Amino acid sequence: MTTASVSLRVLLASVTLTDGTINAFGPLTGRFLGSLRDGNNKRLHIDGLWGIQFGNGILSQKTNQLFYAAGPNDEEDGVYGVITAVTQ
């Protein structure tokens, strides 16, 4: 699933120390729909993923951008990043 096809889906970050993926589920059925993928169609993996949140529309945070926080390197480091949809 590309980031451009996730509208009207429930996104959950898999925050186990080994996974770091973001998965989509149907909002009414709870059915697994797939994982977010990068431009090469590989599952998106964020080392040490802690959480995700769409932008709130202020301070240059667009509401169609997915922001994340992570602690890579066994939580020795901290990362705040953004995932932006790419159309192909």
PDB file of N, CA and C in Angstrom:
ATOM      1  N   MET A   1       0.845  -1.158   0.000  1.00  0.00           N
ATOM      2  CA  MET A   1       0.000   0.000   0.000  1.00  0.00           C
ATOM      3  C   MET A   1       0.897   1.229   0.000  1.00  0.00           C
ATOM      4  N   THR A   2       0.681   2.102  -0.963  1.00  0.00           N
ATOM      5  CA  THR A   2       1.486   3.320  -1.009  1.00  0.00           C
ATOM      6  C   THR A   2       0.898   4.340  -0.064  1.00  0.00           C
ATOM      7  N   THR A   3       1.675   5.325   0.313  1.00  0.00           N
ATOM      8  CA  THR A   3       1.171   6.337   1.235  1.00  0.00           C
ATOM      9  C   THR A   3       0.052   7.155   0.610  1.00  0.00           C
ATOM     10  N   ALA A   4      -0.048   7.180  -0.711  1.00  0.00           N
ATOM     11  CA  ALA A   4      -1.110   7.942  -1.366  1.00  0.00           C
ATOM     12  C   ALA A   4      -2.461   7.251  -1.275  1.00  0.00           C
ATOM     13  N   SER A   5      -2.502   5.970  -0.922  1.00  0.00           N
ATOM     14  CA  SER A   5      -3.763   5.236  -0.915  1.00  0.00           C
ATOM     15  C   SER A   5      -4.289   4.959   0.489  1.00  0.00           C
ATOM     16  N   VAL A   6      -3.905   5.740   1.484  1.00  0.00           N
ATOM     17  CA  VAL A   6      -4.294   5.438   2.855  1.00  0.00           C
ATOM     18  C   VAL A   6      -5.445   6.292   3.383  1.00  0.00           C
ATOM     19  N   SER A   7      -6.063   7.121   2.550  1.00  0.00           N
ATOM     20  CA  SER A   7      -7.173   7.923   3.047  1.00  0.00           C
ATOM     21  C   SER A   7      -8.311   7.005   3.467  1.00  0.00           C
ATOM     22  N   LEU A   8      -9.042   7.419   4.491  1.00  0.00           N
ATOM     23  CA  LEU A   8     -10.158   6.653   5.049  1.00  0.00           C
ATOM     24  C   LEU A   8      -9.738   5.280   5.549  1.00  0.00           C
ATOM     25  N   ARG A   9      -8.562   5.204   6.118  1.00  0.00           N
ATOM     26  CA  ARG A   9      -8.069   3.985   6.723  1.00  0.00           C
ATOM     27  C   ARG A   9      -7.556   4.323   8.123  1.00  0.00           C
ATOM     28  N   VAL A  10      -7.519   3.337   8.980  1.00  0.00           N
ATOM     29  CA  VAL A  10      -6.966   3.508  10.307  1.00  0.00           C
ATOM     30  C   VAL A  10      -5.511   3.042  10.250  1.00  0.00           C
ATOM     31  N   LEU A  11      -4.587   3.918  10.639  1.00  0.00           N
ATOM     32  CA  LEU A  11      -3.165   3.572  10.625  1.00  0.00           C
ATOM     33  C   LEU A  11      -2.701   3.281  12.050  1.00  0.00           C
ATOM     34  N   LEU A  12      -1.961   2.208  12.198  1.00  0.00           N
ATOM     35  CA  LEU A  12      -1.388   1.854  13.488  1.00  0.00           C
ATOM     36  C   LEU A  12       0.103   1.630  13.323  1.00  0.00           C
ATOM     37  N   ALA A  13       0.869   2.220  14.211  1.00  0.00           N
ATOM     38  CA  ALA A  13       2.317   2.012  14.202  1.00  0.00           C
ATOM     39  C   ALA A  13       2.620   0.763  15.007  1.00  0.00           C
ATOM     40  N   SER A  14       3.422  -0.108  14.432  1.00  0.00           N
ATOM     41  CA  SER A  14       3.865  -1.300  15.147  1.00  0.00           C
ATOM     42  C   SER A  14       5.131  -0.919  15.898  1.00  0.00           C
ATOM     43  N   VAL A  15       4.996  -0.735  17.192  1.00  0.00           N
ATOM     44  CA  VAL A  15       6.096  -0.159  17.962  1.00  0.00           C
ATOM     45  C   VAL A  15       6.918  -1.198  18.720  1.00  0.00           C
ATOM     46  N   THR A  16       6.805  -2.452  18.298  1.00  0.00           N
ATOM     47  CA  THR A  16       7.696  -3.437  18.904  1.00  0.00           C
ATOM     48  C   THR A  16       9.124  -3.086  18.499  1.00  0.00           C
ATOM     49  N   LEU A  17      10.063  -3.463  19.278  1.00  0.00           N
ATOM     50  CA  LEU A  17      11.442  -3.059  19.026  1.00  0.00           C
ATOM     51  C   LEU A  17      11.998  -3.603  17.718  1.00  0.00           C
ATOM     52  N   THR A  18      11.414  -4.669  17.167  1.00  0.00           N
ATOM     53  CA  THR A  18      11.966  -5.267  15.960  1.00  0.00           C
ATOM     54  C   THR A  18      11.188  -4.944  14.699  1.00  0.00           C
ATOM     55  N   ASP A  19       9.977  -4.383  14.793  1.00  0.00           N
ATOM     56  CA  ASP A  19       9.146  -4.245  13.607  1.00  0.00           C
ATOM     57  C   ASP A  19       9.282  -2.880  12.949  1.00  0.00           C
ATOM     58  N   GLY A  20       8.728  -1.818  13.553  1.00  0.00           N
ATOM     59  CA  GLY A  20       8.863  -0.468  13.022  1.00  0.00           C
ATOM     60  C   GLY A  20       8.080  -0.204  11.748  1.00  0.00           C
ATOM     61  N   THR A  21       6.975  -0.935  11.530  1.00  0.00           N
ATOM     62  CA  THR A  21       6.155  -0.721  10.341  1.00  0.00           C
ATOM     63  C   THR A  21       4.906   0.070  10.695  1.00  0.00           C
ATOM     64  N   ILE A  22       4.244   0.591   9.669  1.00  0.00           N
ATOM     65  CA  ILE A  22       2.967   1.276   9.841  1.00  0.00           C
ATOM     66  C   ILE A  22       1.954   0.520   8.999  1.00  0.00           C
ATOM     67  N   ASN A  23       0.919   0.017   9.657  1.00  0.00           N
ATOM     68  CA  ASN A  23      -0.074  -0.824   9.006  1.00  0.00           C
ATOM     69  C   ASN A  23      -1.424  -0.128   8.929  1.00  0.00           C
ATOM     70  N   ALA A  24      -2.188  -0.449   7.880  1.00  0.00           N
ATOM     71  CA  ALA A  24      -3.499   0.149   7.659  1.00  0.00           C
ATOM     72  C   ALA A  24      -4.589  -0.894   7.874  1.00  0.00           C
ATOM     73  N   PHE A  25      -5.702  -0.446   8.483  1.00  0.00           N
ATOM     74  CA  PHE A  25      -6.839  -1.310   8.756  1.00  0.00           C
ATOM     75  C   PHE A  25      -8.121  -0.603   8.338  1.00  0.00           C
ATOM     76  N   GLY A  26      -9.119  -1.365   7.938  1.00  0.00           N
ATOM     77  CA  GLY A  26     -10.412  -0.795   7.589  1.00  0.00           C
ATOM     78  C   GLY A  26     -11.079  -0.227   8.824  1.00  0.00           C
ATOM     79  N   PRO A  27     -11.633   1.003   8.769  1.00  0.00           N
ATOM     80  CA  PRO A  27     -12.196   1.638   9.953  1.00  0.00           C
ATOM     81  C   PRO A  27     -13.461   0.956  10.472  1.00  0.00           C
ATOM     82  N   LEU A  28     -14.223   0.300   9.622  1.00  0.00           N
ATOM     83  CA  LEU A  28     -15.452  -0.355  10.059  1.00  0.00           C
ATOM     84  C   LEU A  28     -15.258  -1.829  10.353  1.00  0.00           C
ATOM     85  N   THR A  29     -14.416  -2.491   9.581  1.00  0.00           N
ATOM     86  CA  THR A  29     -14.237  -3.937   9.725  1.00  0.00           C
ATOM     87  C   THR A  29     -13.042  -4.310  10.584  1.00  0.00           C
ATOM     88  N   GLY A  30     -12.056  -3.436  10.674  1.00  0.00           N
ATOM     89  CA  GLY A  30     -10.819  -3.760  11.378  1.00  0.00           C
ATOM     90  C   GLY A  30      -9.923  -4.689  10.582  1.00  0.00           C
ATOM     91  N   ARG A  31     -10.310  -4.962   9.339  1.00  0.00           N
ATOM     92  CA  ARG A  31      -9.548  -5.879   8.488  1.00  0.00           C
ATOM     93  C   ARG A  31      -8.204  -5.271   8.099  1.00  0.00           C
ATOM     94  N   PHE A  32      -7.141  -6.070   8.170  1.00  0.00           N
ATOM     95  CA  PHE A  32      -5.809  -5.642   7.771  1.00  0.00           C
ATOM     96  C   PHE A  32      -5.801  -5.370   6.274  1.00  0.00           C
ATOM     97  N   LEU A  33      -5.358  -4.181   5.869  1.00  0.00           N
ATOM     98  CA  LEU A  33      -5.346  -3.787   4.464  1.00  0.00           C
ATOM     99  C   LEU A  33      -3.948  -3.754   3.867  1.00  0.00           C
ATOM    100  N   GLY A  34      -2.935  -3.724   4.700  1.00  0.00           N
ATOM    101  CA  GLY A  34      -1.573  -3.709   4.198  1.00  0.00           C
ATOM    102  C   GLY A  34      -0.689  -2.772   4.997  1.00  0.00           C
ATOM    103  N   SER A  35       0.576  -2.757   4.624  1.00  0.00           N
ATOM    104  CA  SER A  35       1.570  -1.904   5.275  1.00  0.00           C
ATOM    105  C   SER A  35       1.942  -0.763   4.350  1.00  0.00           C
ATOM    106  N   LEU A  36       2.329   0.374   4.923  1.00  0.00           N
ATOM    107  CA  LEU A  36       2.832   1.472   4.105  1.00  0.00           C
ATOM    108  C   LEU A  36       4.105   1.013   3.417  1.00  0.00           C
ATOM    109  N   ARG A  37       4.266   1.436   2.171  1.00  0.00           N
ATOM    110  CA  ARG A  37       5.420   1.035   1.369  1.00  0.00           C
ATOM    111  C   ARG A  37       6.114   2.266   0.812  1.00  0.00           C
ATOM    112  N   ASP A  38       7.380   2.099   0.523  1.00  0.00           N
ATOM    113  CA  ASP A  38       8.151   3.216  -0.026  1.00  0.00           C
ATOM    114  C   ASP A  38       7.999   3.261  -1.544  1.00  0.00           C
ATOM    115  N   GLY A  39       8.712   4.156  -2.190  1.00  0.00           N
ATOM    116  CA  GLY A  39       8.635   4.334  -3.631  1.00  0.00           C
ATOM    117  C   GLY A  39       9.093   3.129  -4.430  1.00  0.00           C
ATOM    118  N   ASN A  40       9.809   2.201  -3.784  1.00  0.00           N
ATOM    119  CA  ASN A  40      10.260   0.963  -4.432  1.00  0.00           C
ATOM    120  C   ASN A  40       9.376  -0.224  -4.072  1.00  0.00           C
ATOM    121  N   ASN A  41       8.211   0.065  -3.467  1.00  0.00           N
ATOM    122  CA  ASN A  41       7.232  -0.941  -3.062  1.00  0.00           C
ATOM    123  C   ASN A  41       7.743  -1.868  -1.963  1.00  0.00           C
ATOM    124  N   LYS A  42       8.724  -1.418  -1.197  1.00  0.00           N
ATOM    125  CA  LYS A  42       9.212  -2.175  -0.050  1.00  0.00           C
ATOM    126  C   LYS A  42       8.493  -1.668   1.194  1.00  0.00           C
ATOM    127  N   ARG A  43       8.204  -2.588   2.133  1.00  0.00           N
ATOM    128  CA  ARG A  43       7.550  -2.169   3.376  1.00  0.00           C
ATOM    129  C   ARG A  43       8.378  -1.083   4.056  1.00  0.00           C
ATOM    130  N   LEU A  44       7.719  -0.011   4.427  1.00  0.00           N
ATOM    131  CA  LEU A  44       8.379   1.088   5.113  1.00  0.00           C
ATOM    132  C   LEU A  44       8.738   0.631   6.523  1.00  0.00           C
ATOM    133  N   HIS A  45       9.980   0.802   6.897  1.00  0.00           N
ATOM    134  CA  HIS A  45      10.469   0.402   8.218  1.00  0.00           C
ATOM    135  C   HIS A  45      11.173   1.598   8.848  1.00  0.00           C
ATOM    136  N   ILE A  46      10.764   1.937  10.071  1.00  0.00           N
ATOM    137  CA  ILE A  46      11.393   3.033  10.804  1.00  0.00           C
ATOM    138  C   ILE A  46      11.974   2.442  12.088  1.00  0.00           C
ATOM    139  N   ASP A  47      13.285   2.432  12.175  1.00  0.00           N
ATOM    140  CA  ASP A  47      13.975   1.856  13.320  1.00  0.00           C
ATOM    141  C   ASP A  47      13.571   2.566  14.610  1.00  0.00           C
ATOM    142  N   GLY A  48      13.107   1.806  15.585  1.00  0.00           N
ATOM    143  CA  GLY A  48      12.757   2.359  16.891  1.00  0.00           C
ATOM    144  C   GLY A  48      11.485   3.197  16.898  1.00  0.00           C
ATOM    145  N   LEU A  49      10.562   2.926  15.992  1.00  0.00           N
ATOM    146  CA  LEU A  49       9.334   3.714  15.864  1.00  0.00           C
ATOM    147  C   LEU A  49       8.574   3.781  17.189  1.00  0.00           C
ATOM    148  N   TRP A  50       8.241   5.008  17.614  1.00  0.00           N
ATOM    149  CA  TRP A  50       7.491   5.215  18.850  1.00  0.00           C
ATOM    150  C   TRP A  50       6.037   5.544  18.574  1.00  0.00           C
ATOM    151  N   GLY A  51       5.779   6.419  17.610  1.00  0.00           N
ATOM    152  CA  GLY A  51       4.396   6.818  17.366  1.00  0.00           C
ATOM    153  C   GLY A  51       4.244   7.630  16.100  1.00  0.00           C
ATOM    154  N   ILE A  52       2.982   7.785  15.665  1.00  0.00           N
ATOM    155  CA  ILE A  52       2.663   8.522  14.445  1.00  0.00           C
ATOM    156  C   ILE A  52       1.506   9.469  14.697  1.00  0.00           C
ATOM    157  N   GLN A  53       1.455  10.554  13.908  1.00  0.00           N
ATOM    158  CA  GLN A  53       0.368  11.535  14.008  1.00  0.00           C
ATOM    159  C   GLN A  53       0.340  12.358  12.730  1.00  0.00           C
ATOM    160  N   PHE A  54      -0.851  12.534  12.160  1.00  0.00           N
ATOM    161  CA  PHE A  54      -0.950  13.426  11.010  1.00  0.00           C
ATOM    162  C   PHE A  54      -0.767  14.865  11.466  1.00  0.00           C
ATOM    163  N   GLY A  55      -0.254  15.706  10.576  1.00  0.00           N
ATOM    164  CA  GLY A  55      -0.061  17.122  10.881  1.00  0.00           C
ATOM    165  C   GLY A  55      -1.373  17.785  11.277  1.00  0.00           C
ATOM    166  N   ASN A  56      -1.268  18.837  12.086  1.00  0.00           N
ATOM    167  CA  ASN A  56      -2.462  19.510  12.597  1.00  0.00           C
ATOM    168  C   ASN A  56      -2.791  20.804  11.857  1.00  0.00           C
ATOM    169  N   GLY A  57      -2.051  21.108  10.791  1.00  0.00           N
ATOM    170  CA  GLY A  57      -2.352  22.289   9.993  1.00  0.00           C
ATOM    171  C   GLY A  57      -1.707  23.578  10.461  1.00  0.00           C
ATOM    172  N   ILE A  58      -0.951  23.539  11.550  1.00  0.00           N
ATOM    173  CA  ILE A  58      -0.259  24.742  12.013  1.00  0.00           C
ATOM    174  C   ILE A  58       1.247  24.483  12.029  1.00  0.00           C
ATOM    175  N   LEU A  59       2.017  25.555  12.089  1.00  0.00           N
ATOM    176  CA  LEU A  59       3.482  25.475  12.125  1.00  0.00           C
ATOM    177  C   LEU A  59       4.044  24.602  10.999  1.00  0.00           C
ATOM    178  N   SER A  60       3.506  24.787   9.793  1.00  0.00           N
ATOM    179  CA  SER A  60       3.963  24.083   8.588  1.00  0.00           C
ATOM    180  C   SER A  60       3.736  22.575   8.628  1.00  0.00           C
ATOM    181  N   GLN A  61       2.855  22.099   9.494  1.00  0.00           N
ATOM    182  CA  GLN A  61       2.525  20.681   9.522  1.00  0.00           C
ATOM    183  C   GLN A  61       1.260  20.456   8.695  1.00  0.00           C
ATOM    184  N   LYS A  62       1.441  19.996   7.463  1.00  0.00           N
ATOM    185  CA  LYS A  62       0.305  19.762   6.583  1.00  0.00           C
ATOM    186  C   LYS A  62      -0.507  18.569   7.079  1.00  0.00           C
ATOM    187  N   THR A  63      -1.818  18.662   6.933  1.00  0.00           N
ATOM    188  CA  THR A  63      -2.694  17.608   7.443  1.00  0.00           C
ATOM    189  C   THR A  63      -2.607  16.319   6.631  1.00  0.00           C
ATOM    190  N   ASN A  64      -1.983  16.358   5.461  1.00  0.00           N
ATOM    191  CA  ASN A  64      -1.819  15.137   4.673  1.00  0.00           C
ATOM    192  C   ASN A  64      -0.411  14.550   4.816  1.00  0.00           C
ATOM    193  N   GLN A  65       0.335  15.037   5.782  1.00  0.00           N
ATOM    194  CA  GLN A  65       1.664  14.499   6.067  1.00  0.00           C
ATOM    195  C   GLN A  65       1.611  13.716   7.375  1.00  0.00           C
ATOM    196  N   LEU A  66       2.270  12.569   7.389  1.00  0.00           N
ATOM    197  CA  LEU A  66       2.293  11.708   8.564  1.00  0.00           C
ATOM    198  C   LEU A  66       3.631  11.894   9.285  1.00  0.00           C
ATOM    199  N   PHE A  67       3.574  12.447  10.482  1.00  0.00           N
ATOM    200  CA  PHE A  67       4.776  12.686  11.279  1.00  0.00           C
ATOM    201  C   PHE A  67       5.021  11.495  12.204  1.00  0.00           C
ATOM    202  N   TYR A  68       6.288  11.255  12.509  1.00  0.00           N
ATOM    203  CA  TYR A  68       6.610  10.143  13.401  1.00  0.00           C
ATOM    204  C   TYR A  68       7.734  10.525  14.347  1.00  0.00           C
ATOM    205  N   ALA A  69       7.762   9.817  15.461  1.00  0.00           N
ATOM    206  CA  ALA A  69       8.865   9.925  16.424  1.00  0.00           C
ATOM    207  C   ALA A  69       9.455   8.531  16.575  1.00  0.00           C
ATOM    208  N   ALA A  70      10.769   8.473  16.687  1.00  0.00           N
ATOM    209  CA  ALA A  70      11.447   7.179  16.795  1.00  0.00           C
ATOM    210  C   ALA A  70      12.697   7.310  17.638  1.00  0.00           C
ATOM    211  N   GLY A  71      13.148   6.178  18.151  1.00  0.00           N
ATOM    212  CA  GLY A  71      14.379   6.110  18.932  1.00  0.00           C
ATOM    213  C   GLY A  71      15.302   5.042  18.377  1.00  0.00           C
ATOM    214  N   PRO A  72      15.952   5.333  17.235  1.00  0.00           N
ATOM    215  CA  PRO A  72      16.851   4.335  16.656  1.00  0.00           C
ATOM    216  C   PRO A  72      18.087   4.105  17.521  1.00  0.00           C
ATOM    217  N   ASN A  73      18.845   3.099  17.116  1.00  0.00           N
ATOM    218  CA  ASN A  73      20.086   2.773  17.823  1.00  0.00           C
ATOM    219  C   ASN A  73      19.778   2.397  19.276  1.00  0.00           C
ATOM    220  N   ASP A  74      18.783   1.489  19.436  1.00  0.00           N
ATOM    221  CA  ASP A  74      18.343   1.043  20.766  1.00  0.00           C
ATOM    222  C   ASP A  74      17.956   2.215  21.662  1.00  0.00           C
ATOM    223  N   GLU A  75      17.273   3.182  21.075  1.00  0.00           N
ATOM    224  CA  GLU A  75      16.763   4.377  21.755  1.00  0.00           C
ATOM    225  C   GLU A  75      17.867   5.279  22.297  1.00  0.00           C
ATOM    226  N   GLU A  76      19.068   5.141  21.755  1.00  0.00           N
ATOM    227  CA  GLU A  76      20.166   6.042  22.112  1.00  0.00           C
ATOM    228  C   GLU A  76      20.008   7.383  21.402  1.00  0.00           C
ATOM    229  N   ASP A  77      19.324   7.371  20.258  1.00  0.00           N
ATOM    230  CA  ASP A  77      19.127   8.574  19.459  1.00  0.00           C
ATOM    231  C   ASP A  77      17.634   8.876  19.366  1.00  0.00           C
ATOM    232  N   GLY A  78      17.296  10.062  18.925  1.00  0.00           N
ATOM    233  CA  GLY A  78      15.899  10.443  18.729  1.00  0.00           C
ATOM    234  C   GLY A  78      15.696  11.044  17.353  1.00  0.00           C
ATOM    235  N   VAL A  79      14.566  10.691  16.736  1.00  0.00           N
ATOM    236  CA  VAL A  79      14.255  11.188  15.398  1.00  0.00           C
ATOM    237  C   VAL A  79      12.813  11.663  15.360  1.00  0.00           C
ATOM    238  N   TYR A  80      12.593  12.819  14.766  1.00  0.00           N
ATOM    239  CA  TYR A  80      11.255  13.319  14.468  1.00  0.00           C
ATOM    240  C   TYR A  80      11.232  13.526  12.962  1.00  0.00           C
ATOM    241  N   GLY A  81      10.367  12.803  12.265  1.00  0.00           N
ATOM    242  CA  GLY A  81      10.376  12.862  10.812  1.00  0.00           C
ATOM    243  C   GLY A  81       8.982  12.951  10.228  1.00  0.00           C
ATOM    244  N   VAL A  82       8.935  13.007   8.912  1.00  0.00           N
ATOM    245  CA  VAL A  82       7.657  13.127   8.202  1.00  0.00           C
ATOM    246  C   VAL A  82       7.638  12.180   7.009  1.00  0.00           C
ATOM    247  N   ILE A  83       6.469  11.598   6.756  1.00  0.00           N
ATOM    248  CA  ILE A  83       6.241  10.756   5.600  1.00  0.00           C
ATOM    249  C   ILE A  83       5.257  11.501   4.712  1.00  0.00           C
ATOM    250  N   THR A  84       5.644  11.740   3.482  1.00  0.00           N
ATOM    251  CA  THR A  84       4.802  12.451   2.531  1.00  0.00           C
ATOM    252  C   THR A  84       4.415  11.508   1.397  1.00  0.00           C
ATOM    253  N   ALA A  85       3.142  11.516   1.051  1.00  0.00           N
ATOM    254  CA  ALA A  85       2.650  10.638  -0.008  1.00  0.00           C
ATOM    255  C   ALA A  85       3.308  10.978  -1.337  1.00  0.00           C
ATOM    256  N   VAL A  86       3.590   9.929  -2.098  1.00  0.00           N
ATOM    257  CA  VAL A  86       4.169  10.068  -3.431  1.00  0.00           C
ATOM    258  C   VAL A  86       3.243   9.365  -4.406  1.00  0.00           C
ATOM    259  N   THR A  87       2.843  10.060  -5.456  1.00  0.00           N
ATOM    260  CA  THR A  87       2.016   9.421  -6.475  1.00  0.00           C
ATOM    261  C   THR A  87       2.907   8.884  -7.572  1.00  0.00           C
ATOM    262  N   GLN A  88       2.531   7.753  -8.114  1.00  0.00           N
ATOM    263  CA  GLN A  88       3.362   7.126  -9.145  1.00  0.00           C
ATOM    264  C   GLN A  88       2.613   7.052 -10.446  1.00  0.00           C
TER     265      GLN A  88
END
